[in-house]
C-alpha atoms as a PDB file:
ATOM      1  CA  MET A   1    -148.481-141.483-101.153  1.00  0.00           C
ATOM      2  CA  ASN A   2    -149.417-138.864 -98.685  1.00  0.00           C
ATOM      3  CA  PHE A   3    -153.065-137.915 -99.083  1.00  0.00           C
ATOM      4  CA  ARG A   4    -153.077-135.602 -96.057  1.00  0.00           C
ATOM      5  CA  ARG A   5    -150.634-133.088 -97.347  1.00  0.00           C
ATOM      6  CA  GLY A   6    -153.090-130.350 -98.048  1.00  0.00           C
ATOM      7  CA  ARG A   7    -155.152-130.674 -94.889  1.00  0.00           C
ATOM      8  CA  GLY A   8    -154.276-128.896 -91.660  1.00  0.00           C
ATOM      9  CA  THR A   9    -154.574-130.666 -88.322  1.00  0.00           C
ATOM     10  CA  ASP A  10    -157.659-129.443 -86.503  1.00  0.00           C
ATOM     11  CA  ALA A  11    -157.892-129.876 -82.759  1.00  0.00           C
ATOM     12  CA  PRO A  12    -160.861-132.021 -81.741  1.00  0.00           C
ATOM     13  CA  GLU A  13    -163.697-129.930 -80.395  1.00  0.00           C
ATOM     14  CA  ILE A  14    -166.467-130.985 -78.036  1.00  0.00           C
ATOM     15  CA  ASN A  15    -169.746-129.218 -78.514  1.00  0.00           C
ATOM     16  CA  LEU A  16    -171.390-128.743 -75.070  1.00  0.00           C
ATOM     17  CA  ILE A  17    -174.669-127.213 -76.225  1.00  0.00           C
ATOM     18  CA  PRO A  18    -176.377-130.534 -77.097  1.00  0.00           C
ATOM     19  CA  LEU A  19    -175.156-131.991 -73.772  1.00  0.00           C
ATOM     20  CA  ILE A  20    -176.680-129.079 -71.840  1.00  0.00           C
ATOM     21  CA  ASP A  21    -179.935-129.410 -73.785  1.00  0.00           C
ATOM     22  CA  VAL A  22    -180.193-133.109 -72.936  1.00  0.00           C
ATOM     23  CA  LEU A  23    -179.460-132.455 -69.237  1.00  0.00           C
ATOM     24  CA  LEU A  24    -182.135-129.755 -69.079  1.00  0.00           C
ATOM     25  CA  VAL A  25    -184.674-132.099 -70.666  1.00  0.00           C
ATOM     26  CA  ILE A  26    -183.787-134.797 -68.100  1.00  0.00           C
ATOM     27  CA  ILE A  27    -184.144-132.336 -65.199  1.00  0.00           C
ATOM     28  CA  ILE A  28    -187.528-131.128 -66.482  1.00  0.00           C
ATOM     29  CA  PHE A  29    -188.665-134.741 -66.944  1.00  0.00           C
ATOM     30  CA  LEU A  30    -187.616-135.627 -63.381  1.00  0.00           C
ATOM     31  CA  MET A  31    -189.332-132.551 -61.941  1.00  0.00           C
ATOM     32  CA  LEU A  32    -192.589-133.348 -63.697  1.00  0.00           C
ATOM     33  CA  THR A  33    -192.679-137.042 -62.871  1.00  0.00           C
ATOM     34  CA  THR A  34    -191.554-136.860 -59.251  1.00  0.00           C
ATOM     35  CA  THR A  35    -194.323-137.188 -56.738  1.00  0.00           C
ATOM     36  CA  TYR A  36    -193.937-135.132 -53.654  1.00  0.00           C
ATOM     37  CA  ALA A  37    -195.307-137.090 -50.754  1.00  0.00           C
ATOM     38  CA  LYS A  38    -196.622-135.120 -47.873  1.00  0.00           C
ATOM     39  CA  PHE A  39    -195.548-136.731 -44.629  1.00  0.00           C
ATOM     40  CA  SER A  40    -198.196-136.418 -42.034  1.00  0.00           C
ATOM     41  CA  GLY A  41    -197.248-136.228 -38.413  1.00  0.00           C
ATOM     42  CA  LEU A  42    -198.359-138.859 -35.995  1.00  0.00           C
ATOM     43  CA  GLU A  43    -200.628-137.723 -33.265  1.00  0.00           C
ATOM     44  CA  ILE A  44    -199.606-139.431 -30.085  1.00  0.00           C
ATOM     45  CA  ASN A  45    -201.343-139.096 -26.764  1.00  0.00           C
ATOM     46  CA  LEU A  46    -198.737-139.768 -24.141  1.00  0.00           C
ATOM     47  CA  PRO A  47    -199.767-141.647 -21.031  1.00  0.00           C
ATOM     48  CA  THR A  48    -199.867-139.875 -17.715  1.00  0.00           C
ATOM     49  CA  ALA A  49    -198.521-141.147 -14.441  1.00  0.00           C
ATOM     50  CA  ASP A  50    -199.474-140.286 -10.916  1.00  0.00           C
ATOM     51  CA  ALA A  51    -196.184-141.001  -9.226  1.00  0.00           C
ATOM     52  CA  ASN A  52    -195.035-139.623  -5.939  1.00  0.00           C
ATOM     53  CA  LYS A  53    -192.314-137.048  -5.877  1.00  0.00           C
ATOM     54  CA  GLN A  54    -188.816-138.510  -5.849  1.00  0.00           C
ATOM     55  CA  PRO A  55    -187.390-138.655  -2.364  1.00  0.00           C
ATOM     56  CA  ASP A  56    -184.612-136.274  -1.534  1.00  0.00           C
ATOM     57  CA  PRO A  57    -181.216-137.517  -2.627  1.00  0.00           C
ATOM     58  CA  PRO A  58    -179.302-139.215   0.160  1.00  0.00           C
ATOM     59  CA  SER A  59    -176.888-137.102   2.102  1.00  0.00           C
ATOM     60  CA  GLU A  60    -173.217-137.649   1.500  1.00  0.00           C
ATOM     61  CA  VAL A  61    -170.327-137.825   3.911  1.00  0.00           C
ATOM     62  CA  ASN A  62    -167.032-137.162   2.161  1.00  0.00           C
ATOM     63  CA  VAL A  63    -164.013-138.965   3.567  1.00  0.00           C
ATOM     64  CA  ALA A  64    -160.583-138.096   2.202  1.00  0.00           C
ATOM     65  CA  VAL A  65    -157.573-140.327   2.716  1.00  0.00           C
ATOM     66  CA  THR A  66    -154.250-138.629   1.981  1.00  0.00           C
ATOM     67  CA  ALA A  67    -151.084-140.276   0.720  1.00  0.00           C
ATOM     68  CA  ASN A  68    -149.534-140.240   4.214  1.00  0.00           C
ATOM     69  CA  GLY A  69    -152.600-141.907   5.789  1.00  0.00           C
ATOM     70  CA  GLN A  70    -154.356-138.867   7.274  1.00  0.00           C
ATOM     71  CA  VAL A  71    -158.172-139.102   7.259  1.00  0.00           C
ATOM     72  CA  LEU A  72    -160.445-136.092   6.784  1.00  0.00           C
ATOM     73  CA  VAL A  73    -164.217-136.383   7.318  1.00  0.00           C
ATOM     74  CA  ASN A  74    -166.053-133.555   5.527  1.00  0.00           C
ATOM     75  CA  LYS A  75    -162.704-131.705   5.308  1.00  0.00           C
ATOM     76  CA  ALA A  76    -162.146-131.935   9.077  1.00  0.00           C
ATOM     77  CA  PRO A  77    -158.923-133.802   9.948  1.00  0.00           C
ATOM     78  CA  LEU A  78    -159.027-136.536  12.592  1.00  0.00           C
ATOM     79  CA  THR A  79    -156.441-136.588  15.349  1.00  0.00           C
ATOM     80  CA  THR A  80    -156.396-140.369  15.687  1.00  0.00           C
ATOM     81  CA  VAL A  81    -156.803-142.704  12.750  1.00  0.00           C
ATOM     82  CA  THR A  82    -158.421-145.741  14.302  1.00  0.00           C
ATOM     83  CA  VAL A  83    -161.550-147.549  13.144  1.00  0.00           C
ATOM     84  CA  ALA A  84    -163.427-146.403  16.265  1.00  0.00           C
ATOM     85  CA  ALA A  85    -162.396-142.752  15.814  1.00  0.00           C
ATOM     86  CA  ILE A  86    -163.341-142.759  12.133  1.00  0.00           C
ATOM     87  CA  SER A  87    -166.658-144.457  12.946  1.00  0.00           C
ATOM     88  CA  GLU A  88    -167.509-141.837  15.552  1.00  0.00           C
ATOM     89  CA  ALA A  89    -166.563-139.023  13.134  1.00  0.00           C
ATOM     90  CA  LEU A  90    -168.823-140.556  10.492  1.00  0.00           C
ATOM     91  CA  ARG A  91    -171.753-140.685  12.932  1.00  0.00           C
ATOM     92  CA  ARG A  92    -171.222-137.018  13.861  1.00  0.00           C
ATOM     93  CA  ALA A  93    -170.928-135.978  10.205  1.00  0.00           C
ATOM     94  CA  ALA A  94    -174.058-137.924   9.181  1.00  0.00           C
ATOM     95  CA  GLY A  95    -176.156-136.330  11.903  1.00  0.00           C
ATOM     96  CA  ASP A  96    -179.834-137.258  11.549  1.00  0.00           C
ATOM     97  CA  ALA A  97    -179.490-138.743   8.060  1.00  0.00           C
ATOM     98  CA  LYS A  98    -180.884-142.267   7.910  1.00  0.00           C
ATOM     99  CA  GLU A  99    -178.633-143.831   5.249  1.00  0.00           C
ATOM    100  CA  PRO A 100    -175.946-141.430   4.078  1.00  0.00           C
ATOM    101  CA  VAL A 101    -173.604-142.385   1.277  1.00  0.00           C
ATOM    102  CA  ILE A 102    -169.984-142.520   2.377  1.00  0.00           C
ATOM    103  CA  VAL A 103    -167.860-141.146  -0.488  1.00  0.00           C
ATOM    104  CA  ILE A 104    -164.215-142.140  -0.149  1.00  0.00           C
ATOM    105  CA  ASN A 105    -161.702-139.878  -1.879  1.00  0.00           C
ATOM    106  CA  ALA A 106    -158.459-141.798  -1.501  1.00  0.00           C
ATOM    107  CA  ASP A 107    -155.129-140.621  -2.854  1.00  0.00           C
ATOM    108  CA  ALA A 108    -153.597-142.960  -5.417  1.00  0.00           C
ATOM    109  CA  LYS A 109    -150.603-143.454  -3.133  1.00  0.00           C
ATOM    110  CA  ALA A 110    -152.652-144.027   0.035  1.00  0.00           C
ATOM    111  CA  THR A 111    -152.137-147.386   1.659  1.00  0.00           C
ATOM    112  CA  HIS A 112    -154.699-150.072   1.115  1.00  0.00           C
ATOM    113  CA  GLN A 113    -155.077-150.471   4.873  1.00  0.00           C
ATOM    114  CA  SER A 114    -156.157-146.819   5.285  1.00  0.00           C
ATOM    115  CA  VAL A 115    -158.996-147.281   2.804  1.00  0.00           C
ATOM    116  CA  VAL A 116    -160.016-150.594   4.378  1.00  0.00           C
ATOM    117  CA  ASP A 117    -160.089-148.894   7.803  1.00  0.00           C
ATOM    118  CA  VAL A 118    -162.512-146.256   6.459  1.00  0.00           C
ATOM    119  CA  MET A 119    -164.707-148.976   4.931  1.00  0.00           C
ATOM    120  CA  GLN A 120    -164.718-150.929   8.199  1.00  0.00           C
ATOM    121  CA  ALA A 121    -165.543-147.762  10.145  1.00  0.00           C
ATOM    122  CA  ALA A 122    -168.507-147.092   7.842  1.00  0.00           C
ATOM    123  CA  GLN A 123    -169.743-150.630   8.395  1.00  0.00           C
ATOM    124  CA  THR A 124    -169.295-150.276  12.157  1.00  0.00           C
ATOM    125  CA  ALA A 125    -171.245-147.013  12.128  1.00  0.00           C
ATOM    126  CA  GLY A 126    -174.083-148.768  10.281  1.00  0.00           C
ATOM    127  CA  TYR A 127    -173.617-147.101   6.886  1.00  0.00           C
ATOM    128  CA  PRO A 128    -173.480-149.838   4.222  1.00  0.00           C
ATOM    129  CA  ARG A 129    -173.645-147.480   1.235  1.00  0.00           C
ATOM    130  CA  ILE A 130    -170.074-146.692   0.209  1.00  0.00           C
ATOM    131  CA  SER A 131    -168.881-145.031  -2.973  1.00  0.00           C
ATOM    132  CA  PHE A 132    -165.408-144.279  -4.309  1.00  0.00           C
ATOM    133  CA  ALA A 133    -164.615-141.017  -6.039  1.00  0.00           C
ATOM    134  CA  THR A 134    -162.352-141.226  -9.100  1.00  0.00           C
ATOM    135  CA  GLN A 135    -161.160-138.897 -11.774  1.00  0.00           C
ATOM    136  CA  SER A 136    -160.568-139.522 -15.443  1.00  0.00           C
ATOM    137  CA  PRO A 137    -156.986-139.489 -16.722  1.00  0.00           C
ATOM    138  CA  HIS A 138    -155.980-136.404 -18.694  1.00  0.00           C
END
């Protein structure tokens, strides 16, 4: 017994109009019931300070040590690479500066002894502030 013989197959249909009506009612309800809070700004009185002006930055003496052991003080090459010669060159380069910073730019392939000689020369000259210049890998 086939009772469906006379009926055609209708595709199911979704009616979107009631769904849209319900969504609009929900949106209107949310808009009416939402409280909009007004955020007030805080009034802050910042403290003041009577500090002295920062002292001038310390002078720098740049020392370059090449891969073959040559030493350059402020881009001026030294003829002899001894601790005494480097120390004297550092004193001349520092001039009247009280405590200059000695910045050592050593080549990656420079010998360890060359860098230690520059550090010892800075200590002999009376400049304890030493810094090493590096670069970030690419």
